[in-house]
Amino acid sequence: MELKLTAYQTEISTWVNDYGDRLYAWALHKSSNEQIAQDLVQETFLSAYQHIENFKRGSSPKTWLFSILKNKIIDHFRQVARNKMMLLEDSFPWFDEDENWRKEFRPQPWLHADGNLLDDPEFEKALSHCMNGLPSAWAACVQLKYLDEKNSEEICQQLNITTSNLWQILHRAKLSLRNCLEKNWFKS
């Protein structure tokens, strides 16, 4: 049985030969992982094949393919970030299924806190250490909200996040900071 290729299949096959290596090199540069780069290029050509009727031919196939690849790379890193956020959520077991504090994680009063902690160089060092341990987006939110005293609207605009996302990040960051400070500053 002889397999006849459609015009689109022939065109895609030509593009694989002409641009595959360059697309792979770019994907590898962006991902630093051979398997991920191969997958991204494969997804690029699959998407090009599925949407070839949308290719207006006002640009070169190379430009169109790199545009598809760029979006595939962005999607990949969004998914990676989403997965990391889910892992981070799982690493904060402070609440039960009803969102109440678990007894063993319930915050205790800081006996040594006298209200002037930010004037204490040792506390400032511990806080800086704990802030450096936060994910960069969390640290930025805490810095802007509590240390730079920016309002929520300014922070959301500057970081390009929603208000609900800001409050979720601040909540998680405060929990993480409290945990870190209890281990590194307020030792029993």
Protein backbone atom coordinates (compact mmCIF):
# COMPACT_ATOMS: atom_id res chain seq x y z
CA MET A 1 0.00 0.00 0.00
CA GLU A 2 1.45 3.35 -1.03
CA LEU A 3 1.01 6.27 1.34
CA LYS A 4 0.25 9.58 -0.32
CA LEU A 5 1.27 12.71 1.58
CA THR A 6 -0.97 15.72 1.53
CA ALA A 7 0.45 19.09 0.53
CA TYR A 8 0.42 20.15 4.20
CA GLN A 9 2.29 17.01 5.29
CA THR A 10 4.89 17.59 2.60
CA GLU A 11 5.26 21.23 3.67
CA ILE A 12 5.65 20.30 7.34
CA SER A 13 8.19 17.63 6.41
CA THR A 14 10.20 20.26 4.53
CA TRP A 15 10.01 22.61 7.51
CA VAL A 16 11.26 19.88 9.85
CA ASN A 17 14.30 19.43 7.60
CA ASP A 18 14.88 23.16 7.11
CA TYR A 19 14.21 24.52 10.63
CA GLY A 20 14.22 21.60 13.05
CA ASP A 21 17.84 21.99 14.15
CA ARG A 22 17.50 25.74 14.72
CA LEU A 23 14.28 25.31 16.68
CA TYR A 24 15.89 22.60 18.77
CA ALA A 25 18.95 24.77 19.48
CA TRP A 26 16.71 27.61 20.65
CA ALA A 27 14.55 25.33 22.80
CA LEU A 28 17.67 23.78 24.34
CA HIS A 29 19.09 27.23 25.05
CA LYS A 30 15.86 28.24 26.81
CA SER A 31 15.18 25.00 28.69
CA SER A 32 18.72 23.68 29.31
CA ASN A 33 17.31 20.19 28.97
CA GLU A 34 17.63 18.00 25.87
CA GLN A 35 14.45 16.00 26.47
CA ILE A 36 12.37 19.10 27.16
CA ALA A 37 13.83 20.80 24.07
CA GLN A 38 12.96 17.79 21.91
CA ASP A 39 9.43 17.71 23.30
CA LEU A 40 8.96 21.44 22.73
CA VAL A 41 10.09 21.18 19.11
CA GLN A 42 7.87 18.16 18.53
CA GLU A 43 4.91 20.05 20.03
CA THR A 44 5.78 23.02 17.81
CA PHE A 45 5.61 20.97 14.63
CA LEU A 46 2.47 19.17 15.78
CA SER A 47 0.80 22.51 16.49
CA ALA A 48 1.98 23.88 13.13
CA TYR A 49 0.48 20.87 11.38
CA GLN A 50 -2.81 21.16 13.29
CA HIS A 51 -3.10 24.88 12.52
CA ILE A 52 -1.39 25.15 9.15
CA GLU A 53 -4.55 26.52 7.56
CA ASN A 54 -4.13 29.55 9.88
CA PHE A 55 -0.65 30.28 8.53
CA LYS A 56 -1.21 33.44 6.51
CA ARG A 57 2.12 33.22 4.68
CA GLY A 58 2.65 36.93 5.35
CA SER A 59 5.73 35.90 7.28
CA SER A 60 8.26 33.19 6.66
CA PRO A 61 7.59 29.66 7.95
CA LYS A 62 10.66 30.08 10.17
CA THR A 63 9.15 33.16 11.85
CA TRP A 64 5.83 31.40 12.35
CA LEU A 65 7.46 28.26 13.76
CA PHE A 66 9.62 30.27 16.18
CA SER A 67 6.50 32.13 17.31
CA ILE A 68 4.80 28.80 18.05
CA LEU A 69 7.93 27.55 19.84
CA LYS A 70 8.12 30.72 21.93
CA ASN A 71 4.56 30.11 23.13
CA LYS A 72 5.31 26.44 23.84
CA ILE A 73 8.32 27.49 25.95
CA ILE A 74 6.20 30.01 27.87
CA ASP A 75 3.52 27.37 28.46
CA HIS A 76 6.18 24.94 29.66
CA PHE A 77 7.57 27.36 32.24
CA ARG A 78 4.08 28.35 33.39
CA GLN A 79 3.36 24.69 34.03
CA VAL A 80 6.65 24.29 35.89
CA ALA A 81 5.81 27.31 38.05
CA ARG A 82 2.29 25.98 38.69
CA ASN A 83 3.72 22.62 39.76
CA LYS A 84 6.23 24.32 42.09
CA MET A 85 3.44 26.36 43.64
CA MET A 86 1.44 23.18 44.23
CA LEU A 87 4.49 21.58 45.88
CA LEU A 88 4.94 24.65 48.05
CA GLU A 89 1.30 24.47 49.10
CA ASP A 90 1.83 20.86 50.11
CA SER A 91 4.91 21.83 52.14
CA PHE A 92 2.85 24.02 54.49
CA PRO A 93 0.80 21.50 56.49
CA TRP A 94 -0.23 24.05 59.13
CA PHE A 95 -3.96 23.78 58.51
CA ASP A 96 -6.42 20.94 58.64
CA GLU A 97 -9.05 20.23 55.99
CA ASP A 98 -11.35 22.87 57.59
CA GLU A 99 -8.54 25.47 57.30
CA ASN A 100 -8.08 25.66 61.08
CA TRP A 101 -4.64 25.68 62.68
CA ARG A 102 -3.37 22.22 63.55
CA LYS A 103 -2.52 22.12 67.23
CA GLU A 104 1.17 21.39 66.68
CA PHE A 105 1.52 24.32 64.25
CA ARG A 106 -0.59 26.88 66.08
CA PRO A 107 1.43 30.11 66.49
CA GLN A 108 2.63 30.79 69.98
CA PRO A 109 3.19 34.27 71.38
CA TRP A 110 6.73 35.54 70.96
CA LEU A 111 7.82 36.08 74.52
CA HIS A 112 10.91 38.08 73.61
CA ALA A 113 9.11 40.47 71.28
CA ASP A 114 9.08 43.98 72.72
CA GLY A 115 7.65 45.85 69.76
CA ASN A 116 10.98 47.29 68.58
CA LEU A 117 12.35 44.28 66.72
CA LEU A 118 13.26 46.18 63.56
CA ASP A 119 15.68 48.26 65.63
CA ASP A 120 17.52 45.12 66.73
CA PRO A 121 20.45 44.28 64.38
CA GLU A 122 20.33 40.57 65.28
CA PHE A 123 16.62 40.37 64.49
CA GLU A 124 17.19 42.28 61.26
CA LYS A 125 19.84 39.72 60.31
CA ALA A 126 17.47 36.82 61.07
CA LEU A 127 14.65 38.50 59.12
CA SER A 128 16.95 39.08 56.15
CA HIS A 129 17.98 35.41 56.25
CA CYS A 130 14.32 34.33 56.31
CA MET A 131 13.34 36.78 53.54
CA ASN A 132 16.13 35.36 51.35
CA GLY A 133 14.62 31.90 51.85
CA LEU A 134 11.27 32.95 50.38
CA PRO A 135 10.45 32.50 46.70
CA SER A 136 11.32 35.77 44.96
CA ALA A 137 7.68 36.72 44.27
CA TRP A 138 6.79 36.21 47.92
CA ALA A 139 9.77 38.25 49.13
CA ALA A 140 8.87 41.06 46.72
CA CYS A 141 5.29 41.17 48.02
CA VAL A 142 6.41 41.25 51.66
CA GLN A 143 9.04 43.89 50.95
CA LEU A 144 6.63 46.14 49.09
CA LYS A 145 3.70 45.71 51.52
CA TYR A 146 5.33 45.71 54.92
CA LEU A 147 8.75 47.27 54.56
CA ASP A 148 8.15 49.80 51.76
CA GLU A 149 4.54 50.32 52.91
CA LYS A 150 3.07 50.32 49.40
CA ASN A 151 -0.66 49.91 49.02
CA SER A 152 -2.11 46.75 47.50
CA GLU A 153 -3.12 48.42 44.25
CA GLU A 154 0.43 49.66 43.64
CA ILE A 155 1.89 46.25 44.43
CA CYS A 156 -0.52 44.41 42.13
CA GLN A 157 0.21 46.84 39.33
CA GLN A 158 3.97 46.65 39.83
CA LEU A 159 4.07 42.85 40.03
CA ASN A 160 1.27 42.28 37.51
CA ILE A 161 -0.78 40.11 39.87
CA THR A 162 -4.38 40.13 41.07
CA THR A 163 -5.44 41.32 44.51
CA SER A 164 -6.51 37.83 45.55
CA ASN A 165 -3.16 36.46 44.39
CA LEU A 166 -1.37 39.15 46.43
CA TRP A 167 -3.25 38.24 49.61
CA GLN A 168 -2.65 34.53 49.05
CA ILE A 169 1.08 35.15 48.53
CA LEU A 170 1.29 37.41 51.60
CA HIS A 171 -0.52 34.83 53.73
CA ARG A 172 1.84 32.05 52.70
CA ALA A 173 4.88 34.30 53.02
CA LYS A 174 3.92 35.35 56.54
CA LEU A 175 3.47 31.73 57.57
CA SER A 176 6.83 30.84 56.12
CA LEU A 177 8.54 33.85 57.74
CA ARG A 178 7.01 33.07 61.10
CA ASN A 179 8.19 29.48 60.90
CA CYS A 180 11.69 30.57 59.88
CA LEU A 181 11.93 33.26 62.57
CA GLU A 182 10.74 30.85 65.24
CA LYS A 183 13.56 28.49 64.25
CA ASN A 184 16.24 31.15 63.78
CA TRP A 185 15.38 33.91 66.25
CA PHE A 186 12.85 33.04 68.92
CA LYS A 187 14.41 29.89 70.25
CA SER A 188 12.76 28.35 73.29
